[in-house]
Amino acid sequence: EAVVRTNYMDAANQGWQDEMNDPDIKEMFPVWMYSNPTDSRSRPHHAARNRRYYPNTVPFVVVRGTDISDAANCRCVPIAVSRYDWADLEAAGARVETEW
């Protein structure tokens, strides 16, 4: 069950990343937000990334971590942020992370 769940999430996140790499999409969604369920099952280092913003050129799995200890049963997902929403967020003080 864990193998199927992990591979399903990785496939879904990779499909999302492939879409983000499309030139038309990349222009519309310059940033993505890391989303982590906030409960007792969350890994502390994943929870620390919750609601942080990353450039669309940085793959989700790089931020999440590629080791099996990061990938297994991970429930985190990337959420695309449109350039319009990003302009508002940035004006309110949001910043893109430069380290992951």
PDB file of N, CA and C in Angstrom:
ATOM      1  N   GLU A   1       0.823  -1.197   0.000  1.00  0.00           N
ATOM      2  CA  GLU A   1       0.000   0.000   0.000  1.00  0.00           C
ATOM      3  C   GLU A   1       0.872   1.269   0.000  1.00  0.00           C
ATOM      4  N   ALA A   2       1.923   1.265   0.801  1.00  0.00           N
ATOM      5  CA  ALA A   2       2.805   2.431   0.874  1.00  0.00           C
ATOM      6  C   ALA A   2       3.524   2.667  -0.453  1.00  0.00           C
ATOM      7  N   VAL A   3       3.913   1.590  -1.107  1.00  0.00           N
ATOM      8  CA  VAL A   3       4.603   1.711  -2.394  1.00  0.00           C
ATOM      9  C   VAL A   3       3.665   2.320  -3.437  1.00  0.00           C
ATOM     10  N   VAL A   4       2.443   1.842  -3.493  1.00  0.00           N
ATOM     11  CA  VAL A   4       1.476   2.361  -4.458  1.00  0.00           C
ATOM     12  C   VAL A   4       1.185   3.834  -4.169  1.00  0.00           C
ATOM     13  N   ARG A   5       0.927   4.152  -2.922  1.00  0.00           N
ATOM     14  CA  ARG A   5       0.616   5.541  -2.539  1.00  0.00           C
ATOM     15  C   ARG A   5       1.788   6.477  -2.880  1.00  0.00           C
ATOM     16  N   THR A   6       2.996   6.045  -2.555  1.00  0.00           N
ATOM     17  CA  THR A   6       4.185   6.861  -2.817  1.00  0.00           C
ATOM     18  C   THR A   6       4.383   7.071  -4.317  1.00  0.00           C
ATOM     19  N   ASN A   7       4.263   5.986  -5.090  1.00  0.00           N
ATOM     20  CA  ASN A   7       4.449   6.103  -6.535  1.00  0.00           C
ATOM     21  C   ASN A   7       3.343   6.914  -7.190  1.00  0.00           C
ATOM     22  N   TYR A   8       2.128   6.786  -6.693  1.00  0.00           N
ATOM     23  CA  TYR A   8       1.024   7.586  -7.228  1.00  0.00           C
ATOM     24  C   TYR A   8       1.299   9.074  -7.008  1.00  0.00           C
ATOM     25  N   MET A   9       1.673   9.447  -5.800  1.00  0.00           N
ATOM     26  CA  MET A   9       1.942  10.861  -5.505  1.00  0.00           C
ATOM     27  C   MET A   9       3.123  11.372  -6.331  1.00  0.00           C
ATOM     28  N   ASP A  10       4.163  10.563  -6.462  1.00  0.00           N
ATOM     29  CA  ASP A  10       5.311  10.987  -7.273  1.00  0.00           C
ATOM     30  C   ASP A  10       4.917  11.175  -8.731  1.00  0.00           C
ATOM     31  N   ALA A  11       4.090  10.276  -9.263  1.00  0.00           N
ATOM     32  CA  ALA A  11       3.645  10.397 -10.658  1.00  0.00           C
ATOM     33  C   ALA A  11       2.783  11.643 -10.834  1.00  0.00           C
ATOM     34  N   ALA A  12       1.875  11.881  -9.900  1.00  0.00           N
ATOM     35  CA  ALA A  12       1.023  13.076  -9.986  1.00  0.00           C
ATOM     36  C   ALA A  12       1.859  14.342  -9.900  1.00  0.00           C
ATOM     37  N   ASN A  13       2.808  14.373  -8.993  1.00  0.00           N
ATOM     38  CA  ASN A  13       3.658  15.557  -8.854  1.00  0.00           C
ATOM     39  C   ASN A  13       4.558  15.750 -10.072  1.00  0.00           C
ATOM     40  N   GLN A  14       5.031  14.656 -10.676  1.00  0.00           N
ATOM     41  CA  GLN A  14       5.847  14.773 -11.887  1.00  0.00           C
ATOM     42  C   GLN A  14       5.015  15.273 -13.052  1.00  0.00           C
ATOM     43  N   GLY A  15       3.786  14.802 -13.174  1.00  0.00           N
ATOM     44  CA  GLY A  15       2.895  15.308 -14.219  1.00  0.00           C
ATOM     45  C   GLY A  15       2.645  16.788 -14.050  1.00  0.00           C
ATOM     46  N   TRP A  16       2.447  17.205 -12.821  1.00  0.00           N
ATOM     47  CA  TRP A  16       2.267  18.629 -12.528  1.00  0.00           C
ATOM     48  C   TRP A  16       3.513  19.405 -12.960  1.00  0.00           C
ATOM     49  N   GLN A  17       4.696  18.880 -12.610  1.00  0.00           N
ATOM     50  CA  GLN A  17       5.950  19.548 -12.960  1.00  0.00           C
ATOM     51  C   GLN A  17       6.117  19.632 -14.473  1.00  0.00           C
ATOM     52  N   ASP A  18       5.754  18.588 -15.187  1.00  0.00           N
ATOM     53  CA  ASP A  18       5.834  18.607 -16.649  1.00  0.00           C
ATOM     54  C   ASP A  18       4.958  19.720 -17.223  1.00  0.00           C
ATOM     55  N   GLU A  19       3.758  19.870 -16.675  1.00  0.00           N
ATOM     56  CA  GLU A  19       2.874  20.960 -17.114  1.00  0.00           C
ATOM     57  C   GLU A  19       3.499  22.319 -16.822  1.00  0.00           C
ATOM     58  N   MET A  20       4.106  22.458 -15.661  1.00  0.00           N
ATOM     59  CA  MET A  20       4.730  23.737 -15.284  1.00  0.00           C
ATOM     60  C   MET A  20       5.882  24.107 -16.215  1.00  0.00           C
ATOM     61  N   ASN A  21       6.491  23.121 -16.854  1.00  0.00           N
ATOM     62  CA  ASN A  21       7.608  23.386 -17.761  1.00  0.00           C
ATOM     63  C   ASN A  21       7.167  23.821 -19.151  1.00  0.00           C
ATOM     64  N   ASP A  22       5.871  23.723 -19.453  1.00  0.00           N
ATOM     65  CA  ASP A  22       5.359  24.210 -20.728  1.00  0.00           C
ATOM     66  C   ASP A  22       5.553  25.722 -20.768  1.00  0.00           C
ATOM     67  N   PRO A  23       6.113  26.264 -21.871  1.00  0.00           N
ATOM     68  CA  PRO A  23       6.390  27.704 -21.930  1.00  0.00           C
ATOM     69  C   PRO A  23       5.186  28.597 -21.636  1.00  0.00           C
ATOM     70  N   ASP A  24       4.007  28.236 -22.133  1.00  0.00           N
ATOM     71  CA  ASP A  24       2.819  29.058 -21.865  1.00  0.00           C
ATOM     72  C   ASP A  24       2.430  29.010 -20.390  1.00  0.00           C
ATOM     73  N   ILE A  25       2.554  27.860 -19.794  1.00  0.00           N
ATOM     74  CA  ILE A  25       2.210  27.694 -18.379  1.00  0.00           C
ATOM     75  C   ILE A  25       3.247  28.390 -17.504  1.00  0.00           C
ATOM     76  N   LYS A  26       4.502  28.221 -17.854  1.00  0.00           N
ATOM     77  CA  LYS A  26       5.588  28.796 -17.065  1.00  0.00           C
ATOM     78  C   LYS A  26       5.425  30.308 -16.929  1.00  0.00           C
ATOM     79  N   GLU A  27       4.986  30.945 -17.985  1.00  0.00           N
ATOM     80  CA  GLU A  27       4.786  32.392 -17.958  1.00  0.00           C
ATOM     81  C   GLU A  27       3.604  32.779 -17.061  1.00  0.00           C
ATOM     82  N   MET A  28       2.556  31.983 -17.078  1.00  0.00           N
ATOM     83  CA  MET A  28       1.363  32.288 -16.288  1.00  0.00           C
ATOM     84  C   MET A  28       1.539  31.972 -14.809  1.00  0.00           C
ATOM     85  N   PHE A  29       2.350  30.962 -14.501  1.00  0.00           N
ATOM     86  CA  PHE A  29       2.542  30.528 -13.117  1.00  0.00           C
ATOM     87  C   PHE A  29       4.032  30.552 -12.763  1.00  0.00           C
ATOM     88  N   PRO A  30       4.559  31.715 -12.386  1.00  0.00           N
ATOM     89  CA  PRO A  30       5.990  31.843 -12.146  1.00  0.00           C
ATOM     90  C   PRO A  30       6.466  31.222 -10.833  1.00  0.00           C
ATOM     91  N   VAL A  31       5.513  30.915  -9.951  1.00  0.00           N
ATOM     92  CA  VAL A  31       5.853  30.478  -8.597  1.00  0.00           C
ATOM     93  C   VAL A  31       4.914  29.342  -8.192  1.00  0.00           C
ATOM     94  N   TRP A  32       5.379  28.496  -7.305  1.00  0.00           N
ATOM     95  CA  TRP A  32       4.499  27.499  -6.696  1.00  0.00           C
ATOM     96  C   TRP A  32       4.680  27.526  -5.188  1.00  0.00           C
ATOM     97  N   MET A  33       3.639  27.074  -4.492  1.00  0.00           N
ATOM     98  CA  MET A  33       3.653  27.055  -3.039  1.00  0.00           C
ATOM     99  C   MET A  33       3.707  25.608  -2.543  1.00  0.00           C
ATOM    100  N   TYR A  34       4.543  25.371  -1.562  1.00  0.00           N
ATOM    101  CA  TYR A  34       4.654  24.061  -0.929  1.00  0.00           C
ATOM    102  C   TYR A  34       3.485  23.913   0.034  1.00  0.00           C
ATOM    103  N   SER A  35       2.740  22.831  -0.098  1.00  0.00           N
ATOM    104  CA  SER A  35       1.598  22.591   0.782  1.00  0.00           C
ATOM    105  C   SER A  35       1.775  21.264   1.510  1.00  0.00           C
ATOM    106  N   ASN A  36       1.761  21.341   2.824  1.00  0.00           N
ATOM    107  CA  ASN A  36       1.951  20.182   3.680  1.00  0.00           C
ATOM    108  C   ASN A  36       0.764  20.063   4.633  1.00  0.00           C
ATOM    109  N   PRO A  37       0.170  18.877   4.760  1.00  0.00           N
ATOM    110  CA  PRO A  37      -0.910  18.736   5.738  1.00  0.00           C
ATOM    111  C   PRO A  37      -0.383  19.046   7.143  1.00  0.00           C
ATOM    112  N   THR A  38      -1.100  19.820   7.879  1.00  0.00           N
ATOM    113  CA  THR A  38      -0.645  20.195   9.216  1.00  0.00           C
ATOM    114  C   THR A  38      -1.292  19.295  10.256  1.00  0.00           C
ATOM    115  N   ASP A  39      -0.640  18.162  10.485  1.00  0.00           N
ATOM    116  CA  ASP A  39      -1.103  17.243  11.516  1.00  0.00           C
ATOM    117  C   ASP A  39       0.110  16.531  12.107  1.00  0.00           C
ATOM    118  N   SER A  40      -0.131  15.654  13.042  1.00  0.00           N
ATOM    119  CA  SER A  40       0.961  14.995  13.760  1.00  0.00           C
ATOM    120  C   SER A  40       1.761  14.017  12.897  1.00  0.00           C
ATOM    121  N   ARG A  41       1.243  13.657  11.729  1.00  0.00           N
ATOM    122  CA  ARG A  41       1.965  12.724  10.857  1.00  0.00           C
ATOM    123  C   ARG A  41       2.960  13.422   9.927  1.00  0.00           C
ATOM    124  N   SER A  42       2.951  14.730   9.887  1.00  0.00           N
ATOM    125  CA  SER A  42       3.841  15.470   8.992  1.00  0.00           C
ATOM    126  C   SER A  42       5.284  15.395   9.470  1.00  0.00           C
ATOM    127  N   ARG A  43       6.176  15.228   8.534  1.00  0.00           N
ATOM    128  CA  ARG A  43       7.597  15.274   8.870  1.00  0.00           C
ATOM    129  C   ARG A  43       7.942  16.715   9.233  1.00  0.00           C
ATOM    130  N   PRO A  44       8.704  16.922  10.299  1.00  0.00           N
ATOM    131  CA  PRO A  44       9.017  18.299  10.720  1.00  0.00           C
ATOM    132  C   PRO A  44       9.656  19.145   9.619  1.00  0.00           C
ATOM    133  N   HIS A  45      10.576  18.559   8.847  1.00  0.00           N
ATOM    134  CA  HIS A  45      11.238  19.343   7.799  1.00  0.00           C
ATOM    135  C   HIS A  45      10.304  19.613   6.618  1.00  0.00           C
ATOM    136  N   HIS A  46       9.271  18.808   6.413  1.00  0.00           N
ATOM    137  CA  HIS A  46       8.261  19.106   5.402  1.00  0.00           C
ATOM    138  C   HIS A  46       7.323  20.192   5.926  1.00  0.00           C
ATOM    139  N   ALA A  47       6.925  20.069   7.180  1.00  0.00           N
ATOM    140  CA  ALA A  47       6.040  21.076   7.784  1.00  0.00           C
ATOM    141  C   ALA A  47       6.694  22.451   7.776  1.00  0.00           C
ATOM    142  N   ALA A  48       8.003  22.502   7.919  1.00  0.00           N
ATOM    143  CA  ALA A  48       8.720  23.784   7.924  1.00  0.00           C
ATOM    144  C   ALA A  48       8.631  24.493   6.574  1.00  0.00           C
ATOM    145  N   ARG A  49       8.377  23.755   5.504  1.00  0.00           N
ATOM    146  CA  ARG A  49       8.276  24.352   4.160  1.00  0.00           C
ATOM    147  C   ARG A  49       6.850  24.783   3.813  1.00  0.00           C
ATOM    148  N   ASN A  50       5.887  24.412   4.642  1.00  0.00           N
ATOM    149  CA  ASN A  50       4.490  24.699   4.345  1.00  0.00           C
ATOM    150  C   ASN A  50       4.261  26.183   4.086  1.00  0.00           C
ATOM    151  N   ARG A  51       3.546  26.458   2.987  1.00  0.00           N
ATOM    152  CA  ARG A  51       3.172  27.802   2.566  1.00  0.00           C
ATOM    153  C   ARG A  51       4.381  28.672   2.169  1.00  0.00           C
ATOM    154  N   ARG A  52       5.486  28.052   1.820  1.00  0.00           N
ATOM    155  CA  ARG A  52       6.638  28.792   1.288  1.00  0.00           C
ATOM    156  C   ARG A  52       6.575  28.726  -0.235  1.00  0.00           C
ATOM    157  N   TYR A  53       7.142  29.736  -0.869  1.00  0.00           N
ATOM    158  CA  TYR A  53       7.046  29.878  -2.321  1.00  0.00           C
ATOM    159  C   TYR A  53       8.390  29.592  -2.983  1.00  0.00           C
ATOM    160  N   TYR A  54       8.310  28.932  -4.139  1.00  0.00           N
ATOM    161  CA  TYR A  54       9.503  28.536  -4.883  1.00  0.00           C
ATOM    162  C   TYR A  54       9.325  28.886  -6.353  1.00  0.00           C
ATOM    163  N   PRO A  55      10.435  29.201  -7.047  1.00  0.00           N
ATOM    164  CA  PRO A  55      10.328  29.505  -8.481  1.00  0.00           C
ATOM    165  C   PRO A  55       9.888  28.267  -9.255  1.00  0.00           C
ATOM    166  N   ASN A  56       9.144  28.479 -10.337  1.00  0.00           N
ATOM    167  CA  ASN A  56       8.634  27.335 -11.100  1.00  0.00           C
ATOM    168  C   ASN A  56       9.746  26.550 -11.796  1.00  0.00           C
ATOM    169  N   THR A  57      10.959  27.054 -11.781  1.00  0.00           N
ATOM    170  CA  THR A  57      12.090  26.342 -12.372  1.00  0.00           C
ATOM    171  C   THR A  57      12.673  25.297 -11.422  1.00  0.00           C
ATOM    172  N   VAL A  58      12.250  25.335 -10.165  1.00  0.00           N
ATOM    173  CA  VAL A  58      12.749  24.387  -9.171  1.00  0.00           C
ATOM    174  C   VAL A  58      11.735  23.254  -9.016  1.00  0.00           C
ATOM    175  N   PRO A  59      12.131  22.029  -9.320  1.00  0.00           N
ATOM    176  CA  PRO A  59      11.198  20.909  -9.203  1.00  0.00           C
ATOM    177  C   PRO A  59      10.762  20.656  -7.757  1.00  0.00           C
ATOM    178  N   PHE A  60       9.507  20.304  -7.609  1.00  0.00           N
ATOM    179  CA  PHE A  60       8.953  20.004  -6.297  1.00  0.00           C
ATOM    180  C   PHE A  60       9.783  18.946  -5.570  1.00  0.00           C
ATOM    181  N   VAL A  61      10.184  17.868  -6.273  1.00  0.00           N
ATOM    182  CA  VAL A  61      10.908  16.781  -5.602  1.00  0.00           C
ATOM    183  C   VAL A  61      12.261  17.233  -5.074  1.00  0.00           C
ATOM    184  N   VAL A  62      12.852  18.234  -5.684  1.00  0.00           N
ATOM    185  CA  VAL A  62      14.122  18.764  -5.182  1.00  0.00           C
ATOM    186  C   VAL A  62      13.901  19.446  -3.839  1.00  0.00           C
ATOM    187  N   VAL A  63      12.807  20.179  -3.713  1.00  0.00           N
ATOM    188  CA  VAL A  63      12.496  20.869  -2.461  1.00  0.00           C
ATOM    189  C   VAL A  63      12.049  19.852  -1.408  1.00  0.00           C
ATOM    190  N   ARG A  64      11.177  18.939  -1.794  1.00  0.00           N
ATOM    191  CA  ARG A  64      10.673  17.922  -0.863  1.00  0.00           C
ATOM    192  C   ARG A  64      11.788  17.029  -0.371  1.00  0.00           C
ATOM    193  N   GLY A  65      12.669  16.657  -1.282  1.00  0.00           N
ATOM    194  CA  GLY A  65      13.742  15.722  -0.986  1.00  0.00           C
ATOM    195  C   GLY A  65      13.565  14.472  -1.821  1.00  0.00           C
ATOM    196  N   THR A  66      14.652  13.907  -2.302  1.00  0.00           N
ATOM    197  CA  THR A  66      14.594  12.762  -3.198  1.00  0.00           C
ATOM    198  C   THR A  66      14.858  11.432  -2.500  1.00  0.00           C
ATOM    199  N   ASP A  67      15.293  11.485  -1.266  1.00  0.00           N
ATOM    200  CA  ASP A  67      15.556  10.265  -0.508  1.00  0.00           C
ATOM    201  C   ASP A  67      14.236   9.580  -0.164  1.00  0.00           C
ATOM    202  N   ILE A  68      14.259   8.275  -0.020  1.00  0.00           N
ATOM    203  CA  ILE A  68      13.032   7.541   0.301  1.00  0.00           C
ATOM    204  C   ILE A  68      12.454   8.002   1.637  1.00  0.00           C
ATOM    205  N   SER A  69      13.294   8.470   2.538  1.00  0.00           N
ATOM    206  CA  SER A  69      12.774   8.962   3.819  1.00  0.00           C
ATOM    207  C   SER A  69      11.956  10.238   3.635  1.00  0.00           C
ATOM    208  N   ASP A  70      12.134  10.933   2.528  1.00  0.00           N
ATOM    209  CA  ASP A  70      11.312  12.101   2.196  1.00  0.00           C
ATOM    210  C   ASP A  70      10.108  11.709   1.347  1.00  0.00           C
ATOM    211  N   ALA A  71      10.285  10.749   0.461  1.00  0.00           N
ATOM    212  CA  ALA A  71       9.243  10.407  -0.515  1.00  0.00           C
ATOM    213  C   ALA A  71       8.177   9.454   0.010  1.00  0.00           C
ATOM    214  N   ALA A  72       8.569   8.497   0.834  1.00  0.00           N
ATOM    215  CA  ALA A  72       7.633   7.466   1.275  1.00  0.00           C
ATOM    216  C   ALA A  72       6.442   8.051   2.025  1.00  0.00           C
ATOM    217  N   ASN A  73       5.263   7.788   1.488  1.00  0.00           N
ATOM    218  CA  ASN A  73       4.004   8.240   2.094  1.00  0.00           C
ATOM    219  C   ASN A  73       3.891   9.756   2.252  1.00  0.00           C
ATOM    220  N   CYS A  74       4.681  10.503   1.525  1.00  0.00           N
ATOM    221  CA  CYS A  74       4.610  11.967   1.601  1.00  0.00           C
ATOM    222  C   CYS A  74       3.271  12.444   1.043  1.00  0.00           C
ATOM    223  N   ARG A  75       2.623  13.328   1.761  1.00  0.00           N
ATOM    224  CA  ARG A  75       1.324  13.866   1.342  1.00  0.00           C
ATOM    225  C   ARG A  75       1.432  15.313   0.868  1.00  0.00           C
ATOM    226  N   CYS A  76       2.646  15.844   0.809  1.00  0.00           N
ATOM    227  CA  CYS A  76       2.859  17.225   0.379  1.00  0.00           C
ATOM    228  C   CYS A  76       2.586  17.361  -1.119  1.00  0.00           C
ATOM    229  N   VAL A  77       2.158  18.540  -1.512  1.00  0.00           N
ATOM    230  CA  VAL A  77       1.904  18.815  -2.927  1.00  0.00           C
ATOM    231  C   VAL A  77       2.329  20.249  -3.252  1.00  0.00           C
ATOM    232  N   PRO A  78       2.685  20.481  -4.514  1.00  0.00           N
ATOM    233  CA  PRO A  78       2.927  21.846  -4.968  1.00  0.00           C
ATOM    234  C   PRO A  78       1.616  22.468  -5.446  1.00  0.00           C
ATOM    235  N   ILE A  79       1.462  23.744  -5.228  1.00  0.00           N
ATOM    236  CA  ILE A  79       0.273  24.463  -5.702  1.00  0.00           C
ATOM    237  C   ILE A  79       0.758  25.629  -6.561  1.00  0.00           C
ATOM    238  N   ALA A  80       0.343  25.638  -7.821  1.00  0.00           N
ATOM    239  CA  ALA A  80       0.748  26.705  -8.742  1.00  0.00           C
ATOM    240  C   ALA A  80       0.147  28.034  -8.304  1.00  0.00           C
ATOM    241  N   VAL A  81       0.941  29.083  -8.434  1.00  0.00           N
ATOM    242  CA  VAL A  81       0.493  30.438  -8.096  1.00  0.00           C
ATOM    243  C   VAL A  81       0.560  31.279  -9.372  1.00  0.00           C
ATOM    244  N   SER A  82      -0.567  31.848  -9.767  1.00  0.00           N
ATOM    245  CA  SER A  82      -0.601  32.645 -10.995  1.00  0.00           C
ATOM    246  C   SER A  82       0.198  33.934 -10.828  1.00  0.00           C
ATOM    247  N   ARG A  83       0.602  34.496 -11.924  1.00  0.00           N
ATOM    248  CA  ARG A  83       1.359  35.749 -11.866  1.00  0.00           C
ATOM    249  C   ARG A  83       0.533  36.867 -11.255  1.00  0.00           C
ATOM    250  N   TYR A  84      -0.774  36.807 -11.406  1.00  0.00           N
ATOM    251  CA  TYR A  84      -1.649  37.830 -10.822  1.00  0.00           C
ATOM    252  C   TYR A  84      -1.702  37.687  -9.299  1.00  0.00           C
ATOM    253  N   ASP A  85      -1.900  36.453  -8.848  1.00  0.00           N
ATOM    254  CA  ASP A  85      -1.901  36.212  -7.409  1.00  0.00           C
ATOM    255  C   ASP A  85      -0.533  36.498  -6.807  1.00  0.00           C
ATOM    256  N   TRP A  86       0.521  36.134  -7.546  1.00  0.00           N
ATOM    257  CA  TRP A  86       1.869  36.365  -7.043  1.00  0.00           C
ATOM    258  C   TRP A  86       2.145  37.866  -6.878  1.00  0.00           C
ATOM    259  N   ALA A  87       1.672  38.672  -7.795  1.00  0.00           N
ATOM    260  CA  ALA A  87       1.859  40.126  -7.679  1.00  0.00           C
ATOM    261  C   ALA A  87       1.232  40.636  -6.385  1.00  0.00           C
ATOM    262  N   ASP A  88       0.046  40.143  -6.071  1.00  0.00           N
ATOM    263  CA  ASP A  88      -0.620  40.539  -4.820  1.00  0.00           C
ATOM    264  C   ASP A  88       0.132  40.014  -3.598  1.00  0.00           C
ATOM    265  N   LEU A  89       0.547  38.772  -3.645  1.00  0.00           N
ATOM    266  CA  LEU A  89       1.280  38.177  -2.526  1.00  0.00           C
ATOM    267  C   LEU A  89       2.614  38.881  -2.294  1.00  0.00           C
ATOM    268  N   GLU A  90       3.298  39.161  -3.391  1.00  0.00           N
ATOM    269  CA  GLU A  90       4.591  39.842  -3.296  1.00  0.00           C
ATOM    270  C   GLU A  90       4.420  41.246  -2.712  1.00  0.00           C
ATOM    271  N   ALA A  91       3.366  41.943  -3.141  1.00  0.00           N
ATOM    272  CA  ALA A  91       3.086  43.279  -2.605  1.00  0.00           C
ATOM    273  C   ALA A  91       2.799  43.214  -1.109  1.00  0.00           C
ATOM    274  N   ALA A  92       2.268  42.079  -0.660  1.00  0.00           N
ATOM    275  CA  ALA A  92       1.967  41.902   0.759  1.00  0.00           C
ATOM    276  C   ALA A  92       3.160  41.374   1.550  1.00  0.00           C
ATOM    277  N   GLY A  93       4.289  41.173   0.861  1.00  0.00           N
ATOM    278  CA  GLY A  93       5.516  40.754   1.563  1.00  0.00           C
ATOM    279  C   GLY A  93       5.998  39.349   1.313  1.00  0.00           C
ATOM    280  N   ALA A  94       5.291  38.572   0.518  1.00  0.00           N
ATOM    281  CA  ALA A  94       5.733  37.201   0.229  1.00  0.00           C
ATOM    282  C   ALA A  94       7.017  37.240  -0.594  1.00  0.00           C
ATOM    283  N   ARG A  95       7.873  36.267  -0.369  1.00  0.00           N
ATOM    284  CA  ARG A  95       9.131  36.191  -1.087  1.00  0.00           C
ATOM    285  C   ARG A  95       9.363  34.762  -1.575  1.00  0.00           C
ATOM    286  N   VAL A  96      10.107  34.657  -2.666  1.00  0.00           N
ATOM    287  CA  VAL A  96      10.487  33.351  -3.204  1.00  0.00           C
ATOM    288  C   VAL A  96      11.698  32.855  -2.432  1.00  0.00           C
ATOM    289  N   GLU A  97      11.635  31.611  -2.028  1.00  0.00           N
ATOM    290  CA  GLU A  97      12.770  30.987  -1.335  1.00  0.00           C
ATOM    291  C   GLU A  97      13.951  30.857  -2.298  1.00  0.00           C
ATOM    292  N   THR A  98      15.133  31.030  -1.778  1.00  0.00           N
ATOM    293  CA  THR A  98      16.338  30.912  -2.592  1.00  0.00           C
ATOM    294  C   THR A  98      17.178  29.703  -2.204  1.00  0.00           C
ATOM    295  N   GLU A  99      16.768  29.033  -1.144  1.00  0.00           N
ATOM    296  CA  GLU A  99      17.464  27.808  -0.708  1.00  0.00           C
ATOM    297  C   GLU A  99      16.441  26.734  -0.447  1.00  0.00           C
ATOM    298  N   TRP A 100      16.829  25.516  -0.718  1.00  0.00           N
ATOM    299  CA  TRP A 100      15.946  24.390  -0.469  1.00  0.00           C
ATOM    300  C   TRP A 100      16.794  23.266  -0.068  1.00  0.00           C
TER     301      TRP A 100
END
